[in-house]
Amino acid sequence: MAYTSTEQGGNCLEIAPTPHALHIRDSKQTAGPTLTVPRDSWAGFLVLARRG
C-alpha cells in the first residue's frame, strides 16, 4: 500500500500493515530506515490528529 503527498507523486510513503504493527518507509529509499508503529499507537495518533 502506498500513499502520496503530492499530486505528482514525488513524495511517497509505503505502508505495510501487519496484524500487530505498521511498517513505514520512504518509497525512494527502499534500503533506508523504516518506522515501525504498533497498531494501537497508530490508532491513538489518528484520534488525536483528527481532533486537530
Protein backbone atom coordinates (compact mmCIF):
# COMPACT_ATOMS: atom_id res chain seq x y z
CA MET A 1 0.00 0.00 0.00
CA ALA A 2 1.44 3.44 -0.87
CA TYR A 3 0.33 6.95 -0.03
CA THR A 4 1.45 10.05 -1.90
CA SER A 5 1.69 13.55 -0.51
CA THR A 6 1.83 15.45 -3.83
CA GLU A 7 -0.22 15.37 -7.00
CA GLN A 8 2.90 14.48 -8.98
CA GLY A 9 3.64 11.50 -6.71
CA GLY A 10 7.12 12.75 -5.87
CA ASN A 11 6.95 12.25 -2.11
CA CYS A 12 5.59 8.81 -1.27
CA LEU A 13 5.38 6.65 1.79
CA GLU A 14 4.92 2.92 1.60
CA ILE A 15 2.94 1.43 4.45
CA ALA A 16 2.96 -2.30 5.09
CA PRO A 17 0.28 -3.24 7.60
CA THR A 18 0.73 -6.42 9.63
CA PRO A 19 -1.53 -7.82 12.36
CA HIS A 20 0.37 -6.03 15.13
CA ALA A 21 2.16 -3.06 13.52
CA LEU A 22 2.53 -0.72 10.56
CA HIS A 23 5.89 -0.57 8.79
CA ILE A 24 6.50 2.76 7.06
CA ARG A 25 9.30 3.77 4.69
CA ASP A 26 10.18 6.31 2.01
CA SER A 27 9.37 4.75 -1.36
CA LYS A 28 12.52 6.23 -2.89
CA GLN A 29 14.77 4.89 -0.10
CA THR A 30 13.75 1.23 -0.04
CA ALA A 31 17.06 0.18 1.55
CA GLY A 32 16.84 3.02 4.06
CA PRO A 33 15.38 3.06 7.54
CA THR A 34 11.81 2.07 8.35
CA LEU A 35 9.50 3.22 11.08
CA THR A 36 7.53 0.51 12.87
CA VAL A 37 4.49 1.65 14.83
CA PRO A 38 2.28 -0.67 16.91
CA ARG A 39 -1.32 -0.63 15.64
CA ASP A 40 -2.76 0.62 18.95
CA SER A 41 -0.30 3.54 18.98
CA TRP A 42 -1.20 4.40 15.37
CA ALA A 43 -4.90 4.33 16.22
CA GLY A 44 -4.29 6.69 19.15
CA PHE A 45 -2.30 9.03 16.90
CA LEU A 46 -5.14 9.15 14.37
CA VAL A 47 -7.67 10.02 17.08
CA LEU A 48 -5.52 12.95 18.23
CA ALA A 49 -4.75 14.08 14.66
CA ARG A 50 -8.44 14.21 13.80
CA ARG A 51 -9.08 16.44 16.83
CA GLY A 52 -6.57 18.93 15.45
